[in-house]
N, C-alpha and C. Protein backbone atom coordinates (compact mmCIF):
# COMPACT_ATOMS: atom_id res chain seq x y z
N MET A 1 234.23 80.83 31.84
CA MET A 1 232.88 80.29 31.87
C MET A 1 232.13 80.63 30.59
N GLY A 2 232.27 81.87 30.12
CA GLY A 2 231.56 82.31 28.92
C GLY A 2 231.98 81.56 27.68
N SER A 3 233.29 81.29 27.55
CA SER A 3 233.77 80.59 26.35
C SER A 3 233.36 79.12 26.38
N ILE A 4 233.25 78.53 27.56
CA ILE A 4 232.80 77.14 27.67
C ILE A 4 231.34 77.04 27.26
N LEU A 5 230.53 77.98 27.75
CA LEU A 5 229.11 77.99 27.40
C LEU A 5 228.92 78.22 25.90
N LEU A 6 229.70 79.12 25.34
CA LEU A 6 229.63 79.38 23.90
C LEU A 6 230.02 78.14 23.10
N SER A 7 231.03 77.42 23.56
CA SER A 7 231.46 76.20 22.89
C SER A 7 230.37 75.13 22.95
N ILE A 8 229.72 75.00 24.10
CA ILE A 8 228.65 74.01 24.25
C ILE A 8 227.47 74.36 23.33
N ILE A 9 227.09 75.63 23.32
CA ILE A 9 225.98 76.06 22.47
C ILE A 9 226.32 75.88 21.00
N SER A 10 227.55 76.19 20.62
CA SER A 10 227.98 76.04 19.23
C SER A 10 227.93 74.58 18.80
N THR A 11 228.40 73.69 19.66
CA THR A 11 228.38 72.26 19.34
C THR A 11 226.95 71.74 19.25
N ALA A 12 226.11 72.13 20.20
CA ALA A 12 224.71 71.70 20.18
C ALA A 12 223.99 72.22 18.94
N ALA A 13 224.25 73.46 18.58
CA ALA A 13 223.61 74.04 17.39
C ALA A 13 224.07 73.34 16.12
N THR A 14 225.34 72.97 16.07
CA THR A 14 225.86 72.26 14.90
C THR A 14 225.16 70.93 14.73
N PHE A 15 225.04 70.16 15.81
CA PHE A 15 224.37 68.86 15.73
C PHE A 15 222.88 69.00 15.43
N ALA A 16 222.24 70.02 15.99
CA ALA A 16 220.82 70.25 15.70
C ALA A 16 220.63 70.61 14.23
N SER A 17 221.52 71.42 13.70
CA SER A 17 221.43 71.81 12.28
C SER A 17 221.65 70.61 11.37
N ILE A 18 222.60 69.77 11.71
CA ILE A 18 222.84 68.57 10.90
C ILE A 18 221.61 67.68 10.91
N GLY A 19 220.98 67.53 12.07
CA GLY A 19 219.74 66.75 12.15
C GLY A 19 218.65 67.33 11.28
N LEU A 20 218.52 68.65 11.31
CA LEU A 20 217.52 69.33 10.49
C LEU A 20 217.81 69.16 9.01
N LEU A 21 219.08 69.25 8.64
CA LEU A 21 219.45 69.14 7.24
C LEU A 21 219.33 67.71 6.71
N LEU A 22 219.27 66.73 7.61
CA LEU A 22 219.08 65.34 7.21
C LEU A 22 217.62 65.02 6.88
N SER A 23 216.69 65.83 7.36
CA SER A 23 215.27 65.51 7.24
C SER A 23 214.79 65.28 5.80
N PRO A 24 215.31 65.98 4.78
CA PRO A 24 214.83 65.69 3.42
C PRO A 24 215.16 64.27 2.94
N LEU A 25 216.12 63.62 3.57
CA LEU A 25 216.45 62.25 3.16
C LEU A 25 215.28 61.30 3.40
N PHE A 26 214.45 61.60 4.42
CA PHE A 26 213.27 60.76 4.67
C PHE A 26 212.24 60.93 3.55
N THR A 27 212.12 62.14 3.04
CA THR A 27 211.23 62.39 1.90
C THR A 27 211.72 61.65 0.67
N ILE A 28 213.02 61.71 0.43
CA ILE A 28 213.60 60.99 -0.71
C ILE A 28 213.41 59.49 -0.56
N ARG A 29 213.57 58.98 0.65
CA ARG A 29 213.37 57.55 0.89
C ARG A 29 211.95 57.14 0.51
N ASP A 30 210.96 57.96 0.87
CA ASP A 30 209.58 57.65 0.51
C ASP A 30 209.37 57.72 -1.00
N MET A 31 210.01 58.68 -1.66
CA MET A 31 209.90 58.78 -3.11
C MET A 31 210.49 57.55 -3.79
N VAL A 32 211.62 57.09 -3.31
CA VAL A 32 212.26 55.90 -3.88
C VAL A 32 211.36 54.69 -3.66
N LYS A 33 210.80 54.58 -2.46
CA LYS A 33 209.94 53.45 -2.14
C LYS A 33 208.69 53.45 -3.02
N ASN A 34 208.09 54.62 -3.24
CA ASN A 34 206.87 54.73 -4.04
C ASN A 34 207.14 54.85 -5.54
N LYS A 35 208.40 55.05 -5.90
CA LYS A 35 208.80 55.25 -7.30
C LYS A 35 208.02 56.40 -7.94
N SER A 36 207.76 57.42 -7.14
CA SER A 36 207.01 58.58 -7.61
C SER A 36 207.36 59.78 -6.73
N VAL A 37 207.38 60.95 -7.34
CA VAL A 37 207.62 62.17 -6.57
C VAL A 37 206.32 62.77 -6.06
N GLY A 38 205.19 62.24 -6.52
CA GLY A 38 203.91 62.78 -6.09
C GLY A 38 203.75 64.22 -6.55
N VAL A 39 203.38 65.10 -5.62
CA VAL A 39 203.20 66.51 -5.95
C VAL A 39 204.41 67.34 -5.53
N MET A 40 205.45 66.68 -5.08
CA MET A 40 206.66 67.37 -4.63
C MET A 40 207.40 68.00 -5.81
N THR A 41 207.98 69.17 -5.57
CA THR A 41 208.81 69.81 -6.60
C THR A 41 210.25 69.84 -6.12
N VAL A 42 211.15 70.09 -7.03
CA VAL A 42 212.57 70.13 -6.70
C VAL A 42 212.95 71.44 -6.01
N SER A 43 212.04 72.39 -5.98
CA SER A 43 212.37 73.72 -5.45
C SER A 43 212.81 73.70 -3.99
N PHE A 44 212.24 72.82 -3.17
CA PHE A 44 212.66 72.74 -1.77
C PHE A 44 214.13 72.36 -1.66
N PHE A 45 214.55 71.38 -2.45
CA PHE A 45 215.94 70.94 -2.40
C PHE A 45 216.88 72.02 -2.95
N CYS A 46 216.41 72.74 -3.96
CA CYS A 46 217.21 73.87 -4.49
C CYS A 46 217.36 74.96 -3.45
N ALA A 47 216.28 75.24 -2.72
CA ALA A 47 216.34 76.26 -1.67
C ALA A 47 217.30 75.84 -0.56
N GLN A 48 217.27 74.55 -0.18
CA GLN A 48 218.20 74.06 0.83
C GLN A 48 219.64 74.20 0.33
N TYR A 49 219.86 73.87 -0.92
CA TYR A 49 221.20 73.98 -1.50
C TYR A 49 221.70 75.42 -1.44
N MET A 50 220.89 76.36 -1.91
CA MET A 50 221.30 77.77 -1.93
C MET A 50 221.52 78.30 -0.51
N ASN A 51 220.66 77.90 0.42
CA ASN A 51 220.81 78.32 1.81
C ASN A 51 222.12 77.82 2.39
N CYS A 52 222.41 76.54 2.19
CA CYS A 52 223.62 75.96 2.77
C CYS A 52 224.89 76.52 2.12
N VAL A 53 224.86 76.74 0.83
CA VAL A 53 226.02 77.33 0.16
C VAL A 53 226.27 78.74 0.69
N SER A 54 225.20 79.51 0.83
CA SER A 54 225.34 80.89 1.34
C SER A 54 225.91 80.91 2.75
N TRP A 55 225.36 80.08 3.62
CA TRP A 55 225.86 80.04 5.00
C TRP A 55 227.28 79.50 5.08
N SER A 56 227.62 78.56 4.20
CA SER A 56 229.00 78.05 4.18
C SER A 56 229.98 79.14 3.79
N MET A 57 229.62 79.92 2.78
CA MET A 57 230.50 81.02 2.36
C MET A 57 230.64 82.06 3.48
N TYR A 58 229.54 82.36 4.14
CA TYR A 58 229.59 83.30 5.26
C TYR A 58 230.48 82.75 6.38
N GLY A 59 230.32 81.46 6.67
CA GLY A 59 231.13 80.83 7.71
C GLY A 59 232.61 80.85 7.38
N ILE A 60 232.95 80.66 6.12
CA ILE A 60 234.36 80.73 5.71
C ILE A 60 234.90 82.14 5.92
N LEU A 61 234.12 83.14 5.51
CA LEU A 61 234.56 84.52 5.69
C LEU A 61 234.73 84.90 7.16
N GLN A 62 233.86 84.36 8.01
CA GLN A 62 233.92 84.66 9.44
C GLN A 62 234.80 83.67 10.22
N GLN A 63 235.30 82.67 9.53
CA GLN A 63 236.07 81.59 10.14
C GLN A 63 235.29 80.91 11.26
N ALA A 64 234.00 80.72 11.00
CA ALA A 64 233.11 80.02 11.93
C ALA A 64 233.00 78.58 11.45
N TRP A 65 233.94 77.74 11.88
CA TRP A 65 234.07 76.40 11.32
C TRP A 65 232.91 75.48 11.63
N PRO A 66 232.26 75.56 12.80
CA PRO A 66 231.06 74.72 12.98
C PRO A 66 229.96 75.06 11.97
N LEU A 67 229.83 76.34 11.65
CA LEU A 67 228.85 76.78 10.66
C LEU A 67 229.20 76.22 9.28
N VAL A 68 230.47 76.26 8.94
CA VAL A 68 230.93 75.72 7.66
C VAL A 68 230.70 74.21 7.61
N LEU A 69 231.00 73.53 8.70
CA LEU A 69 230.86 72.07 8.75
C LEU A 69 229.43 71.64 8.49
N CYS A 70 228.49 72.17 9.26
CA CYS A 70 227.12 71.68 9.12
C CYS A 70 226.51 72.11 7.79
N ASN A 71 226.84 73.28 7.29
CA ASN A 71 226.26 73.72 6.03
C ASN A 71 226.92 73.07 4.82
N SER A 72 228.17 72.69 4.93
CA SER A 72 228.79 71.91 3.86
C SER A 72 228.12 70.54 3.77
N PHE A 73 227.84 69.97 4.92
CA PHE A 73 227.12 68.70 4.98
C PHE A 73 225.72 68.87 4.37
N GLY A 74 225.05 69.96 4.70
CA GLY A 74 223.73 70.24 4.14
C GLY A 74 223.76 70.42 2.64
N THR A 75 224.83 71.00 2.13
CA THR A 75 224.99 71.17 0.68
C THR A 75 225.06 69.81 0.00
N VAL A 76 225.82 68.89 0.58
CA VAL A 76 225.95 67.54 0.02
C VAL A 76 224.60 66.83 0.06
N VAL A 77 223.88 66.95 1.17
CA VAL A 77 222.56 66.32 1.29
C VAL A 77 221.61 66.89 0.24
N ALA A 78 221.63 68.21 0.04
CA ALA A 78 220.75 68.84 -0.94
C ALA A 78 221.06 68.35 -2.35
N VAL A 79 222.33 68.21 -2.68
CA VAL A 79 222.71 67.72 -4.01
C VAL A 79 222.24 66.28 -4.19
N ILE A 80 222.42 65.45 -3.17
CA ILE A 80 221.95 64.06 -3.23
C ILE A 80 220.44 64.03 -3.45
N CYS A 81 219.72 64.87 -2.72
CA CYS A 81 218.26 64.91 -2.85
C CYS A 81 217.83 65.39 -4.23
N MET A 82 218.48 66.43 -4.75
CA MET A 82 218.13 66.93 -6.08
C MET A 82 218.37 65.86 -7.15
N LEU A 83 219.51 65.19 -7.07
CA LEU A 83 219.82 64.15 -8.07
C LEU A 83 218.84 62.99 -7.98
N ASN A 84 218.50 62.58 -6.76
CA ASN A 84 217.51 61.51 -6.60
C ASN A 84 216.15 61.92 -7.12
N PHE A 85 215.75 63.15 -6.81
CA PHE A 85 214.47 63.66 -7.31
C PHE A 85 214.43 63.61 -8.83
N LEU A 86 215.47 64.13 -9.47
CA LEU A 86 215.50 64.16 -10.93
C LEU A 86 215.53 62.76 -11.53
N TYR A 87 216.22 61.84 -10.88
CA TYR A 87 216.26 60.45 -11.35
C TYR A 87 214.87 59.81 -11.25
N ILE A 88 214.20 60.04 -10.12
CA ILE A 88 212.87 59.45 -9.93
C ILE A 88 211.87 60.03 -10.93
N VAL A 89 211.93 61.35 -11.16
CA VAL A 89 211.05 61.97 -12.16
C VAL A 89 211.31 61.37 -13.53
N HIS A 90 212.58 61.18 -13.87
CA HIS A 90 212.93 60.60 -15.17
C HIS A 90 212.38 59.18 -15.29
N GLN A 91 212.56 58.37 -14.27
CA GLN A 91 212.06 57.00 -14.29
C GLN A 91 210.53 56.97 -14.37
N GLN A 92 209.92 57.87 -13.62
CA GLN A 92 208.46 57.95 -13.61
C GLN A 92 207.92 58.30 -15.00
N GLU A 93 208.56 59.24 -15.66
CA GLU A 93 208.11 59.65 -17.00
C GLU A 93 208.42 58.59 -18.05
N ARG A 94 209.50 57.84 -17.86
CA ARG A 94 209.81 56.74 -18.80
C ARG A 94 208.76 55.64 -18.73
N CYS A 95 208.13 55.49 -17.56
CA CYS A 95 207.08 54.49 -17.39
C CYS A 95 205.72 55.00 -17.86
N GLY A 96 205.68 56.20 -18.42
CA GLY A 96 204.43 56.74 -18.93
C GLY A 96 203.58 57.45 -17.89
N ARG A 97 204.16 57.74 -16.74
CA ARG A 97 203.43 58.45 -15.69
C ARG A 97 204.07 59.82 -15.49
N PRO A 98 203.58 60.84 -16.18
CA PRO A 98 204.19 62.17 -16.02
C PRO A 98 204.04 62.68 -14.59
N ALA A 99 205.05 63.34 -14.12
CA ALA A 99 205.01 63.89 -12.77
C ALA A 99 204.03 65.05 -12.71
N ILE A 100 203.14 65.01 -11.74
CA ILE A 100 202.12 66.05 -11.59
C ILE A 100 202.77 67.41 -11.38
N SER A 101 203.83 67.43 -10.60
CA SER A 101 204.45 68.71 -10.23
C SER A 101 205.26 69.33 -11.36
N THR A 102 205.60 68.56 -12.37
CA THR A 102 206.42 69.11 -13.46
C THR A 102 205.67 69.16 -14.79
N THR A 103 204.39 68.84 -14.78
CA THR A 103 203.59 68.84 -15.99
C THR A 103 202.70 70.07 -15.99
N TYR A 104 202.82 70.85 -17.04
CA TYR A 104 202.01 72.06 -17.16
C TYR A 104 200.95 71.85 -18.22
N LYS A 105 199.74 72.29 -17.92
CA LYS A 105 198.62 72.09 -18.85
C LYS A 105 198.24 73.39 -19.49
C-alpha cells in the first residue's frame, strides 16, 4: 500500500512540476505578441535554468528519475525562454526601442 501511494504522489508531483515549469512560456508568448520585453529581465529564466539543472543533477545522483524527467524538461523550457527573451530584446533594440530592463542610466 505504501509503495503504491508513493508512486501516485510521485507521478502527481511530476506532472504538477511540469505544469509549473511551463508557465514562463505564457510570458514569452506575450512578449512575442507585443514584440517587447517590457520591464521583464532575463534573471527569472536564468534562475529557473539553474534551479532545474541543480535538481536534475541531484535526481541523477539519487536515481530519482521522475525528478530528473521534470527538471530536464524545465531546463529545456528555461533555455527556450532565455533565447526568446534575448532575441526579442535584440529585435526591440534594432527598431530603436531600448529595453527598459536592460538600459542603465
